[in-house]
Amino acid sequence: MARMESGPFADLLSPLTSARRAHTLEVGRKVWSVAHRVPEHLREDTVTAAFLHDVGYGYPVTGFHPIDGANLLASQGFSPVVCSLVAFHSAATVEADVRGLDPQLFKAFAVPRDADLDAANDFVWWADMTTGPTGGTLTIDQRLADIKDRYEEGSIVRTAIDRAEPLLRGAVQRVSGSM
């Protein structure tokens, strides 16, 4: 696989802040570095989704970046798997529920689930939950503490992270245990 952050990805990521872009690129690099552990038929899509998982921050339409990113990528002709991995990354459905968003927002990005897609999903979540907001490597404990420090108790993001924590830890543990 080529360096995925160059070419069209650089253009797509250009609206992101430098910190968000650094985070996003590091998530992509992490998944790329372990892509041999992802089922072969999902490797390219998983790496692509990792490099683009936060692209929605640069193209706000609904104000919910996983859906904004998945919609953008679908409009650009990315595969349904890439769009699904972006839409559902890092327990996005939990945050959507906390925000009171209609679960139907995810319907367009639902693809048939199986063990291979679940594994690919775990790798994106693992990389996101072990990469800090400016691209540094963190443990899951450090990443969750950082998020909780940045958002006050009772805020949407803090509430969502608190609710999603078991799911996020599970993905990180599954990937870490397979390495």
Protein backbone atom coordinates (compact mmCIF):
# COMPACT_ATOMS: atom_id res chain seq x y z
CA MET A 1 0.00 0.00 0.00
CA ALA A 2 1.19 3.47 -0.85
CA ARG A 3 1.47 6.30 1.63
CA MET A 4 -2.23 7.01 1.92
CA GLU A 5 -1.99 10.55 3.30
CA SER A 6 -0.71 11.90 -0.01
CA GLY A 7 -2.72 12.62 -3.14
CA PRO A 8 -6.49 12.97 -2.88
CA PHE A 9 -6.50 12.36 0.87
CA ALA A 10 -4.39 15.45 1.45
CA ASP A 11 -6.98 17.49 -0.44
CA LEU A 12 -9.86 15.99 1.54
CA LEU A 13 -8.08 16.57 4.85
CA SER A 14 -6.94 20.12 4.08
CA PRO A 15 -9.93 21.83 5.81
CA LEU A 16 -9.06 20.18 9.14
CA THR A 17 -7.11 22.07 11.77
CA SER A 18 -3.44 21.12 11.89
CA ALA A 19 -3.99 19.26 15.19
CA ARG A 20 -6.99 17.31 13.86
CA ARG A 21 -5.11 16.51 10.65
CA ALA A 22 -2.12 15.26 12.69
CA HIS A 23 -4.44 13.03 14.74
CA THR A 24 -6.21 11.73 11.65
CA LEU A 25 -3.01 10.97 9.75
CA GLU A 26 -1.51 9.16 12.74
CA VAL A 27 -4.63 7.01 13.06
CA GLY A 28 -4.22 6.12 9.39
CA ARG A 29 -0.52 5.36 9.80
CA LYS A 30 -1.21 3.11 12.77
CA VAL A 31 -3.78 1.08 10.87
CA TRP A 32 -1.51 0.98 7.82
CA SER A 33 1.33 -0.37 9.99
CA VAL A 34 -0.79 -3.31 11.17
CA ALA A 35 -2.90 -3.76 8.04
CA HIS A 36 -1.49 -7.28 7.58
CA ARG A 37 -3.65 -8.23 10.60
CA VAL A 38 -6.86 -7.04 8.91
CA PRO A 39 -8.65 -9.58 6.69
CA GLU A 40 -7.07 -9.18 3.25
CA HIS A 41 -10.25 -8.27 1.38
CA LEU A 42 -10.84 -5.37 3.81
CA ARG A 43 -7.29 -4.01 4.15
CA GLU A 44 -7.43 -1.19 1.65
CA ASP A 45 -10.86 -0.01 2.81
CA THR A 46 -9.83 -0.18 6.46
CA VAL A 47 -6.67 1.83 5.92
CA THR A 48 -8.56 4.36 3.81
CA ALA A 49 -11.25 4.72 6.48
CA ALA A 50 -8.60 5.19 9.16
CA PHE A 51 -6.94 8.00 7.20
CA LEU A 52 -10.33 9.64 6.63
CA HIS A 53 -12.21 8.81 9.84
CA ASP A 54 -12.40 12.46 11.00
CA VAL A 55 -12.79 14.10 7.58
CA GLY A 56 -16.32 15.17 8.54
CA TYR A 57 -14.93 17.83 10.86
CA GLY A 58 -13.82 19.70 7.75
CA TYR A 59 -17.17 19.44 5.99
CA PRO A 60 -19.87 20.09 8.58
CA VAL A 61 -23.40 19.67 7.31
CA THR A 62 -25.26 17.95 10.14
CA GLY A 63 -22.67 18.96 12.74
CA PHE A 64 -22.01 15.29 13.56
CA HIS A 65 -18.63 14.47 12.03
CA PRO A 66 -18.99 10.69 11.54
CA ILE A 67 -22.12 11.16 9.42
CA ASP A 68 -20.81 14.29 7.69
CA GLY A 69 -17.65 12.39 6.77
CA ALA A 70 -19.49 9.30 5.55
CA ASN A 71 -21.84 11.45 3.45
CA LEU A 72 -18.90 13.31 1.92
CA LEU A 73 -17.04 10.10 1.13
CA ALA A 74 -20.15 8.50 -0.38
CA SER A 75 -20.59 11.56 -2.61
CA GLN A 76 -16.95 11.16 -3.68
CA GLY A 77 -17.48 7.51 -4.68
CA PHE A 78 -15.69 5.79 -1.80
CA SER A 79 -16.76 2.22 -1.14
CA PRO A 80 -19.71 1.40 1.13
CA VAL A 81 -17.27 -0.28 3.55
CA VAL A 82 -15.14 2.88 3.87
CA CYS A 83 -18.26 4.98 4.42
CA SER A 84 -19.58 2.51 7.00
CA LEU A 85 -16.32 2.39 8.93
CA VAL A 86 -16.24 6.20 9.03
CA ALA A 87 -19.92 6.55 9.99
CA PHE A 88 -19.71 4.05 12.83
CA HIS A 89 -16.17 4.76 14.07
CA SER A 90 -15.42 4.85 17.78
CA ALA A 91 -18.95 4.22 19.04
CA ALA A 92 -20.48 7.03 16.98
CA THR A 93 -23.95 5.56 17.51
CA VAL A 94 -23.59 6.10 21.25
CA GLU A 95 -22.74 9.78 20.79
CA ALA A 96 -25.56 10.15 18.26
CA ASP A 97 -27.97 8.76 20.85
CA VAL A 98 -26.68 11.18 23.51
CA ARG A 99 -27.14 14.02 21.00
CA GLY A 100 -30.70 12.90 20.34
CA LEU A 101 -29.98 12.28 16.66
CA ASP A 102 -32.23 10.03 14.63
CA PRO A 103 -30.64 6.55 14.35
CA GLN A 104 -31.84 6.53 10.73
CA LEU A 105 -28.84 8.78 9.93
CA PHE A 106 -26.75 5.60 10.00
CA LYS A 107 -29.06 3.53 7.81
CA ALA A 108 -27.41 4.59 4.54
CA PHE A 109 -24.07 3.35 5.85
CA ALA A 110 -25.12 0.00 7.25
CA VAL A 111 -23.39 -2.87 5.48
CA PRO A 112 -23.79 -6.54 6.31
CA ARG A 113 -21.81 -7.25 9.47
CA ASP A 114 -19.57 -10.25 9.86
CA ALA A 115 -16.52 -11.18 11.90
CA ASP A 116 -14.16 -9.74 9.26
CA LEU A 117 -15.87 -6.35 9.19
CA ASP A 118 -16.05 -6.32 12.99
CA ALA A 119 -12.27 -6.90 13.07
CA ALA A 120 -11.66 -4.09 10.58
CA ASN A 121 -13.87 -1.82 12.67
CA ASP A 122 -11.88 -2.69 15.80
CA PHE A 123 -8.63 -1.62 14.13
CA VAL A 124 -10.01 1.84 13.31
CA TRP A 125 -11.37 2.23 16.86
CA TRP A 126 -8.08 0.96 18.36
CA ALA A 127 -6.01 3.47 16.41
CA ASP A 128 -8.41 6.34 17.20
CA MET A 129 -8.47 5.48 20.91
CA THR A 130 -4.67 5.23 21.15
CA THR A 131 -3.91 8.47 19.32
CA GLY A 132 -4.07 11.81 21.09
CA PRO A 133 -5.73 14.95 19.74
CA THR A 134 -2.49 16.15 18.11
CA GLY A 135 -1.23 12.77 16.88
CA GLY A 136 0.79 11.46 19.82
CA THR A 137 0.47 7.85 20.93
CA LEU A 138 -1.48 7.28 24.13
CA THR A 139 -2.76 4.29 26.03
CA ILE A 140 -6.52 3.83 26.11
CA ASP A 141 -6.48 5.04 29.73
CA GLN A 142 -4.60 8.20 28.75
CA ARG A 143 -6.85 8.83 25.74
CA LEU A 144 -10.06 8.49 27.74
CA ALA A 145 -8.65 10.66 30.54
CA ASP A 146 -7.63 13.29 27.98
CA ILE A 147 -11.13 13.39 26.49
CA LYS A 148 -12.69 13.56 29.93
CA ASP A 149 -10.31 16.39 30.90
CA ARG A 150 -11.23 18.40 27.80
CA TYR A 151 -15.00 18.06 28.21
CA GLU A 152 -16.85 18.90 31.38
CA GLU A 153 -19.01 16.37 33.14
CA GLY A 154 -22.53 16.42 31.72
CA SER A 155 -21.41 17.63 28.28
CA ILE A 156 -22.49 15.62 25.25
CA VAL A 157 -19.02 14.34 24.44
CA ARG A 158 -18.21 13.46 28.05
CA THR A 159 -21.53 11.66 28.50
CA ALA A 160 -21.03 9.76 25.25
CA ILE A 161 -17.48 8.73 26.18
CA ASP A 162 -18.63 7.56 29.60
CA ARG A 163 -21.36 5.43 28.00
CA ALA A 164 -19.15 4.15 25.19
CA GLU A 165 -16.11 3.35 27.34
CA PRO A 166 -16.75 -0.42 27.58
CA LEU A 167 -17.16 -0.64 23.80
CA LEU A 168 -14.03 1.41 23.14
CA ARG A 169 -11.97 -0.58 25.64
CA GLY A 170 -13.24 -3.82 24.12
CA ALA A 171 -12.05 -2.86 20.64
CA VAL A 172 -8.64 -1.80 21.93
CA GLN A 173 -8.29 -5.02 23.94
CA ARG A 174 -9.28 -7.21 20.98
CA VAL A 175 -6.73 -5.55 18.70
CA SER A 176 -3.99 -5.43 21.33
CA GLY A 177 -4.57 -9.08 22.12
CA SER A 178 -4.22 -10.06 18.45
CA MET A 179 -0.87 -8.34 17.95
